Amino acid sequence: AAARQVFEDWPAMARDCVAHLRTVHGADP
């Protein structure tokens, strides 16, 4: 719950995190 306060632009941080995981998944599922 604290993360939504810690990151002022939480949606942008969330998108970046998932996009990174998708990149890892593509290289090595």
PDB file of all heavy atoms in Angstrom:
ATOM      1  N   ALA A   1       0.831  -1.211   0.000  1.00  0.00           N
ATOM      2  CA  ALA A   1       0.000   0.000   0.000  1.00  0.00           C
ATOM      3  C   ALA A   1       0.863   1.257   0.000  1.00  0.00           C
ATOM      4  O   ALA A   1       0.519   2.270  -0.635  1.00  0.00           O
ATOM      5  CB  ALA A   1      -0.934  -0.017   1.204  1.00  0.00           C
ATOM      6  N   ALA A   2       2.010   1.201   0.684  1.00  0.00           N
ATOM      7  CA  ALA A   2       2.880   2.377   0.780  1.00  0.00           C
ATOM      8  C   ALA A   2       3.437   2.801  -0.572  1.00  0.00           C
ATOM      9  O   ALA A   2       3.738   3.982  -0.790  1.00  0.00           O
ATOM     10  CB  ALA A   2       4.036   2.099   1.742  1.00  0.00           C
ATOM     11  N   ALA A   3       3.575   1.856  -1.514  1.00  0.00           N
ATOM     12  CA  ALA A   3       4.208   2.158  -2.804  1.00  0.00           C
ATOM     13  C   ALA A   3       3.439   3.230  -3.570  1.00  0.00           C
ATOM     14  O   ALA A   3       4.030   4.042  -4.288  1.00  0.00           O
ATOM     15  CB  ALA A   3       4.323   0.890  -3.638  1.00  0.00           C
ATOM     16  N   ARG A   4       2.122   3.268  -3.414  1.00  0.00           N
ATOM     17  CA  ARG A   4       1.323   4.248  -4.157  1.00  0.00           C
ATOM     18  C   ARG A   4       1.530   5.662  -3.623  1.00  0.00           C
ATOM     19  O   ARG A   4       1.210   6.637  -4.311  1.00  0.00           O
ATOM     20  CB  ARG A   4      -0.155   3.857  -4.122  1.00  0.00           C
ATOM     21  CG  ARG A   4      -0.416   2.553  -4.868  1.00  0.00           C
ATOM     22  CD  ARG A   4      -1.845   2.079  -4.741  1.00  0.00           C
ATOM     23  NE  ARG A   4      -2.000   0.752  -5.314  1.00  0.00           N
ATOM     24  CZ  ARG A   4      -2.409   0.498  -6.560  1.00  0.00           C
ATOM     25  NH1 ARG A   4      -2.735   1.503  -7.353  1.00  0.00           N
ATOM     26  NH2 ARG A   4      -2.503  -0.729  -7.001  1.00  0.00           N
ATOM     27  N   GLN A   5       2.049   5.762  -2.416  1.00  0.00           N
ATOM     28  CA  GLN A   5       2.426   7.066  -1.878  1.00  0.00           C
ATOM     29  C   GLN A   5       3.881   7.385  -2.193  1.00  0.00           C
ATOM     30  O   GLN A   5       4.233   8.530  -2.470  1.00  0.00           O
ATOM     31  CB  GLN A   5       2.210   7.080  -0.360  1.00  0.00           C
ATOM     32  CG  GLN A   5       0.769   6.895   0.055  1.00  0.00           C
ATOM     33  CD  GLN A   5      -0.141   7.970  -0.511  1.00  0.00           C
ATOM     34  OE1 GLN A   5       0.205   9.151  -0.506  1.00  0.00           O
ATOM     35  NE2 GLN A   5      -1.298   7.567  -1.026  1.00  0.00           N
ATOM     36  N   VAL A   6       4.736   6.357  -2.154  1.00  0.00           N
ATOM     37  CA  VAL A   6       6.172   6.556  -2.374  1.00  0.00           C
ATOM     38  C   VAL A   6       6.445   7.081  -3.780  1.00  0.00           C
ATOM     39  O   VAL A   6       7.228   8.017  -3.968  1.00  0.00           O
ATOM     40  CB  VAL A   6       6.939   5.242  -2.120  1.00  0.00           C
ATOM     41  CG1 VAL A   6       8.376   5.346  -2.631  1.00  0.00           C
ATOM     42  CG2 VAL A   6       6.942   4.912  -0.629  1.00  0.00           C
ATOM     43  N   PHE A   7       5.811   6.484  -4.791  1.00  0.00           N
ATOM     44  CA  PHE A   7       6.027   6.905  -6.176  1.00  0.00           C
ATOM     45  C   PHE A   7       4.942   7.904  -6.559  1.00  0.00           C
ATOM     46  O   PHE A   7       3.772   7.542  -6.662  1.00  0.00           O
ATOM     47  CB  PHE A   7       5.998   5.702  -7.119  1.00  0.00           C
ATOM     48  CG  PHE A   7       7.073   4.688  -6.847  1.00  0.00           C
ATOM     49  CD1 PHE A   7       6.796   3.517  -6.156  1.00  0.00           C
ATOM     50  CD2 PHE A   7       8.376   4.924  -7.263  1.00  0.00           C
ATOM     51  CE1 PHE A   7       7.785   2.594  -5.886  1.00  0.00           C
ATOM     52  CE2 PHE A   7       9.382   4.004  -6.999  1.00  0.00           C
ATOM     53  CZ  PHE A   7       9.086   2.838  -6.311  1.00  0.00           C
ATOM     54  N   GLU A   8       5.332   9.155  -6.779  1.00  0.00           N
ATOM     55  CA  GLU A   8       4.331  10.165  -7.097  1.00  0.00           C
ATOM     56  C   GLU A   8       3.588   9.819  -8.392  1.00  0.00           C
ATOM     57  O   GLU A   8       2.375  10.009  -8.492  1.00  0.00           O
ATOM     58  CB  GLU A   8       4.990  11.536  -7.217  1.00  0.00           C
ATOM     59  CG  GLU A   8       3.985  12.658  -7.404  1.00  0.00           C
ATOM     60  CD  GLU A   8       4.582  14.020  -7.178  1.00  0.00           C
ATOM     61  OE1 GLU A   8       4.677  14.437  -6.004  1.00  0.00           O
ATOM     62  OE2 GLU A   8       4.981  14.659  -8.174  1.00  0.00           O
ATOM     63  N   ASP A   9       4.325   9.306  -9.379  1.00  0.00           N
ATOM     64  CA  ASP A   9       3.679   8.846 -10.611  1.00  0.00           C
ATOM     65  C   ASP A   9       3.675   7.318 -10.586  1.00  0.00           C
ATOM     66  O   ASP A   9       4.419   6.662 -11.318  1.00  0.00           O
ATOM     67  CB  ASP A   9       4.419   9.377 -11.840  1.00  0.00           C
ATOM     68  CG  ASP A   9       3.654   9.144 -13.143  1.00  0.00           C
ATOM     69  OD1 ASP A   9       2.649   8.395 -13.121  1.00  0.00           O
ATOM     70  OD2 ASP A   9       4.078   9.678 -14.183  1.00  0.00           O
ATOM     71  N   TRP A  10       2.818   6.771  -9.717  1.00  0.00           N
ATOM     72  CA  TRP A  10       2.770   5.316  -9.570  1.00  0.00           C
ATOM     73  C   TRP A  10       2.420   4.614 -10.886  1.00  0.00           C
ATOM     74  O   TRP A  10       3.038   3.590 -11.213  1.00  0.00           O
ATOM     75  CB  TRP A  10       1.773   4.921  -8.468  1.00  0.00           C
ATOM     76  CG  TRP A  10       1.724   3.447  -8.233  1.00  0.00           C
ATOM     77  CD1 TRP A  10       2.499   2.737  -7.359  1.00  0.00           C
ATOM     78  CD2 TRP A  10       0.877   2.483  -8.876  1.00  0.00           C
ATOM     79  NE1 TRP A  10       2.190   1.397  -7.422  1.00  0.00           N
ATOM     80  CE2 TRP A  10       1.195   1.221  -8.348  1.00  0.00           C
ATOM     81  CE3 TRP A  10      -0.114   2.584  -9.843  1.00  0.00           C
ATOM     82  CZ2 TRP A  10       0.553   0.048  -8.759  1.00  0.00           C
ATOM     83  CZ3 TRP A  10      -0.753   1.413 -10.270  1.00  0.00           C
ATOM     84  CH2 TRP A  10      -0.422   0.175  -9.730  1.00  0.00           C
ATOM     85  N   PRO A  11       1.466   5.089 -11.693  1.00  0.00           N
ATOM     86  CA  PRO A  11       1.146   4.376 -12.940  1.00  0.00           C
ATOM     87  C   PRO A  11       2.345   4.229 -13.875  1.00  0.00           C
ATOM     88  O   PRO A  11       2.514   3.180 -14.510  1.00  0.00           O
ATOM     89  CB  PRO A  11       0.044   5.238 -13.560  1.00  0.00           C
ATOM     90  CG  PRO A  11      -0.612   5.904 -12.390  1.00  0.00           C
ATOM     91  CD  PRO A  11       0.514   6.196 -11.457  1.00  0.00           C
ATOM     92  N   ALA A  12       3.194   5.269 -13.964  1.00  0.00           N
ATOM     93  CA  ALA A  12       4.364   5.182 -14.837  1.00  0.00           C
ATOM     94  C   ALA A  12       5.348   4.150 -14.306  1.00  0.00           C
ATOM     95  O   ALA A  12       5.930   3.364 -15.078  1.00  0.00           O
ATOM     96  CB  ALA A  12       5.040   6.540 -14.959  1.00  0.00           C
ATOM     97  N   MET A  13       5.549   4.113 -12.997  1.00  0.00           N
ATOM     98  CA  MET A  13       6.443   3.128 -12.397  1.00  0.00           C
ATOM     99  C   MET A  13       5.905   1.723 -12.634  1.00  0.00           C
ATOM    100  O   MET A  13       6.656   0.802 -12.972  1.00  0.00           O
ATOM    101  CB  MET A  13       6.580   3.404 -10.893  1.00  0.00           C
ATOM    102  CG  MET A  13       7.528   2.451 -10.170  1.00  0.00           C
ATOM    103  SD  MET A  13       9.228   2.603 -10.767  1.00  0.00           S
ATOM    104  CE  MET A  13      10.036   1.327  -9.779  1.00  0.00           C
ATOM    105  N   ALA A  14       4.597   1.549 -12.474  1.00  0.00           N
ATOM    106  CA  ALA A  14       3.979   0.240 -12.681  1.00  0.00           C
ATOM    107  C   ALA A  14       4.164  -0.228 -14.123  1.00  0.00           C
ATOM    108  O   ALA A  14       4.522  -1.385 -14.379  1.00  0.00           O
ATOM    109  CB  ALA A  14       2.492   0.310 -12.328  1.00  0.00           C
ATOM    110  N   ARG A  15       3.928   0.669 -15.078  1.00  0.00           N
ATOM    111  CA  ARG A  15       4.101   0.300 -16.497  1.00  0.00           C
ATOM    112  C   ARG A  15       5.542  -0.100 -16.792  1.00  0.00           C
ATOM    113  O   ARG A  15       5.794  -1.087 -17.496  1.00  0.00           O
ATOM    114  CB  ARG A  15       3.680   1.464 -17.395  1.00  0.00           C
ATOM    115  CG  ARG A  15       2.179   1.736 -17.425  1.00  0.00           C
ATOM    116  CD  ARG A  15       1.821   2.682 -18.556  1.00  0.00           C
ATOM    117  NE  ARG A  15       2.481   3.979 -18.429  1.00  0.00           N
ATOM    118  CZ  ARG A  15       1.972   5.013 -17.761  1.00  0.00           C
ATOM    119  NH1 ARG A  15       0.795   4.911 -17.158  1.00  0.00           N
ATOM    120  NH2 ARG A  15       2.619   6.165 -17.699  1.00  0.00           N
ATOM    121  N   ASP A  16       6.496   0.659 -16.256  1.00  0.00           N
ATOM    122  CA  ASP A  16       7.906   0.354 -16.507  1.00  0.00           C
ATOM    123  C   ASP A  16       8.295  -1.003 -15.930  1.00  0.00           C
ATOM    124  O   ASP A  16       9.051  -1.763 -16.541  1.00  0.00           O
ATOM    125  CB  ASP A  16       8.797   1.440 -15.909  1.00  0.00           C
ATOM    126  CG  ASP A  16       8.787   2.717 -16.726  1.00  0.00           C
ATOM    127  OD1 ASP A  16       8.280   2.693 -17.871  1.00  0.00           O
ATOM    128  OD2 ASP A  16       9.289   3.746 -16.222  1.00  0.00           O
ATOM    129  N   CYS A  17       7.783  -1.314 -14.743  1.00  0.00           N
ATOM    130  CA  CYS A  17       8.102  -2.593 -14.103  1.00  0.00           C
ATOM    131  C   CYS A  17       7.609  -3.771 -14.938  1.00  0.00           C
ATOM    132  O   CYS A  17       8.344  -4.745 -15.165  1.00  0.00           O
ATOM    133  CB  CYS A  17       7.484  -2.650 -12.711  1.00  0.00           C
ATOM    134  SG  CYS A  17       8.342  -1.664 -11.464  1.00  0.00           S
ATOM    135  N   VAL A  18       6.369  -3.696 -15.406  1.00  0.00           N
ATOM    136  CA  VAL A  18       5.802  -4.810 -16.165  1.00  0.00           C
ATOM    137  C   VAL A  18       6.469  -4.916 -17.529  1.00  0.00           C
ATOM    138  O   VAL A  18       6.747  -6.023 -18.019  1.00  0.00           O
ATOM    139  CB  VAL A  18       4.276  -4.663 -16.309  1.00  0.00           C
ATOM    140  CG1 VAL A  18       3.699  -5.824 -17.100  1.00  0.00           C
ATOM    141  CG2 VAL A  18       3.620  -4.605 -14.929  1.00  0.00           C
ATOM    142  N   ALA A  19       6.761  -3.782 -18.158  1.00  0.00           N
ATOM    143  CA  ALA A  19       7.435  -3.808 -19.457  1.00  0.00           C
ATOM    144  C   ALA A  19       8.813  -4.453 -19.330  1.00  0.00           C
ATOM    145  O   ALA A  19       9.256  -5.183 -20.227  1.00  0.00           O
ATOM    146  CB  ALA A  19       7.551  -2.396 -20.021  1.00  0.00           C
ATOM    147  N   HIS A  20       9.496  -4.203 -18.216  1.00  0.00           N
ATOM    148  CA  HIS A  20      10.794  -4.850 -17.989  1.00  0.00           C
ATOM    149  C   HIS A  20      10.630  -6.368 -17.875  1.00  0.00           C
ATOM    150  O   HIS A  20      11.387  -7.130 -18.488  1.00  0.00           O
ATOM    151  CB  HIS A  20      11.451  -4.301 -16.721  1.00  0.00           C
ATOM    152  CG  HIS A  20      12.593  -5.129 -16.244  1.00  0.00           C
ATOM    153  ND1 HIS A  20      13.824  -5.136 -16.864  1.00  0.00           N
ATOM    154  CD2 HIS A  20      12.685  -6.039 -15.225  1.00  0.00           C
ATOM    155  CE1 HIS A  20      14.631  -5.997 -16.253  1.00  0.00           C
ATOM    156  NE2 HIS A  20      13.964  -6.548 -15.254  1.00  0.00           N
ATOM    157  N   LEU A  21       9.636  -6.801 -17.095  1.00  0.00           N
ATOM    158  CA  LEU A  21       9.425  -8.242 -16.947  1.00  0.00           C
ATOM    159  C   LEU A  21       9.090  -8.903 -18.278  1.00  0.00           C
ATOM    160  O   LEU A  21       9.510 -10.025 -18.550  1.00  0.00           O
ATOM    161  CB  LEU A  21       8.297  -8.516 -15.942  1.00  0.00           C
ATOM    162  CG  LEU A  21       8.663  -8.672 -14.473  1.00  0.00           C
ATOM    163  CD1 LEU A  21       7.462  -9.187 -13.695  1.00  0.00           C
ATOM    164  CD2 LEU A  21       9.861  -9.583 -14.261  1.00  0.00           C
ATOM    165  N   ARG A  22       8.301  -8.232 -19.101  1.00  0.00           N
ATOM    166  CA  ARG A  22       7.969  -8.772 -20.417  1.00  0.00           C
ATOM    167  C   ARG A  22       9.233  -8.928 -21.268  1.00  0.00           C
ATOM    168  O   ARG A  22       9.365  -9.878 -22.042  1.00  0.00           O
ATOM    169  CB  ARG A  22       6.972  -7.863 -21.131  1.00  0.00           C
ATOM    170  CG  ARG A  22       5.523  -8.237 -20.937  1.00  0.00           C
ATOM    171  CD  ARG A  22       5.199  -9.601 -21.477  1.00  0.00           C
ATOM    172  NE  ARG A  22       3.770  -9.913 -21.432  1.00  0.00           N
ATOM    173  CZ  ARG A  22       3.288 -11.104 -21.714  1.00  0.00           C
ATOM    174  NH1 ARG A  22       4.085 -12.095 -22.047  1.00  0.00           N
ATOM    175  NH2 ARG A  22       1.980 -11.324 -21.661  1.00  0.00           N
ATOM    176  N   THR A  23      10.173  -8.000 -21.136  1.00  0.00           N
ATOM    177  CA  THR A  23      11.430  -8.083 -21.871  1.00  0.00           C
ATOM    178  C   THR A  23      12.234  -9.297 -21.426  1.00  0.00           C
ATOM    179  O   THR A  23      12.781 -10.031 -22.245  1.00  0.00           O
ATOM    180  CB  THR A  23      12.243  -6.793 -21.675  1.00  0.00           C
ATOM    181  OG1 THR A  23      11.448  -5.672 -22.085  1.00  0.00           O
ATOM    182  CG2 THR A  23      13.515  -6.814 -22.491  1.00  0.00           C
ATOM    183  N   VAL A  24      12.295  -9.513 -20.119  1.00  0.00           N
ATOM    184  CA  VAL A  24      12.989 -10.693 -19.586  1.00  0.00           C
ATOM    185  C   VAL A  24      12.312 -11.964 -20.092  1.00  0.00           C
ATOM    186  O   VAL A  24      12.977 -12.923 -20.514  1.00  0.00           O
ATOM    187  CB  VAL A  24      12.998 -10.660 -18.040  1.00  0.00           C
ATOM    188  CG1 VAL A  24      13.591 -11.955 -17.473  1.00  0.00           C
ATOM    189  CG2 VAL A  24      13.782  -9.458 -17.536  1.00  0.00           C
ATOM    190  N   HIS A  25      10.983 -11.972 -20.087  1.00  0.00           N
ATOM    191  CA  HIS A  25      10.220 -13.144 -20.529  1.00  0.00           C
ATOM    192  C   HIS A  25      10.484 -13.466 -21.994  1.00  0.00           C
ATOM    193  O   HIS A  25      10.607 -14.627 -22.381  1.00  0.00           O
ATOM    194  CB  HIS A  25       8.731 -12.888 -20.307  1.00  0.00           C
ATOM    195  CG  HIS A  25       7.849 -14.028 -20.685  1.00  0.00           C
ATOM    196  ND1 HIS A  25       7.257 -14.124 -21.927  1.00  0.00           N
ATOM    197  CD2 HIS A  25       7.457 -15.133 -19.998  1.00  0.00           C
ATOM    198  CE1 HIS A  25       6.540 -15.241 -21.993  1.00  0.00           C
ATOM    199  NE2 HIS A  25       6.647 -15.856 -20.834  1.00  0.00           N
ATOM    200  N   GLY A  26      10.601 -12.440 -22.831  1.00  0.00           N
ATOM    201  CA  GLY A  26      10.844 -12.678 -24.243  1.00  0.00           C
ATOM    202  C   GLY A  26      12.201 -13.295 -24.504  1.00  0.00           C
ATOM    203  O   GLY A  26      12.349 -14.163 -25.370  1.00  0.00           O
ATOM    204  N   ALA A  27      13.205 -12.859 -23.750  1.00  0.00           N
ATOM    205  CA  ALA A  27      14.556 -13.370 -23.940  1.00  0.00           C
ATOM    206  C   ALA A  27      14.721 -14.765 -23.356  1.00  0.00           C
ATOM    207  O   ALA A  27      15.459 -15.588 -23.899  1.00  0.00           O
ATOM    208  CB  ALA A  27      15.565 -12.416 -23.302  1.00  0.00           C
ATOM    209  N   ASP A  28      14.026 -15.048 -22.261  1.00  0.00           N
ATOM    210  CA  ASP A  28      14.181 -16.350 -21.596  1.00  0.00           C
ATOM    211  C   ASP A  28      12.899 -16.676 -20.831  1.00  0.00           C
ATOM    212  O   ASP A  28      12.778 -16.373 -19.645  1.00  0.00           O
ATOM    213  CB  ASP A  28      15.377 -16.302 -20.632  1.00  0.00           C
ATOM    214  CG  ASP A  28      15.647 -17.653 -19.965  1.00  0.00           C
ATOM    215  OD1 ASP A  28      14.984 -18.651 -20.333  1.00  0.00           O
ATOM    216  OD2 ASP A  28      16.534 -17.708 -19.085  1.00  0.00           O
ATOM    217  N   PRO A  29      11.911 -17.292 -21.505  1.00  0.00           N
ATOM    218  CA  PRO A  29      10.624 -17.581 -20.850  1.00  0.00           C
ATOM    219  C   PRO A  29      10.748 -18.451 -19.609  1.00  0.00           C
ATOM    220  O   PRO A  29       9.855 -18.447 -18.765  1.00  0.00           O
ATOM    221  CB  PRO A  29       9.821 -18.292 -21.941  1.00  0.00           C
ATOM    222  CG  PRO A  29      10.467 -17.897 -23.226  1.00  0.00           C
ATOM    223  CD  PRO A  29      11.920 -17.717 -22.914  1.00  0.00           C
TER     224      PRO A  29
END
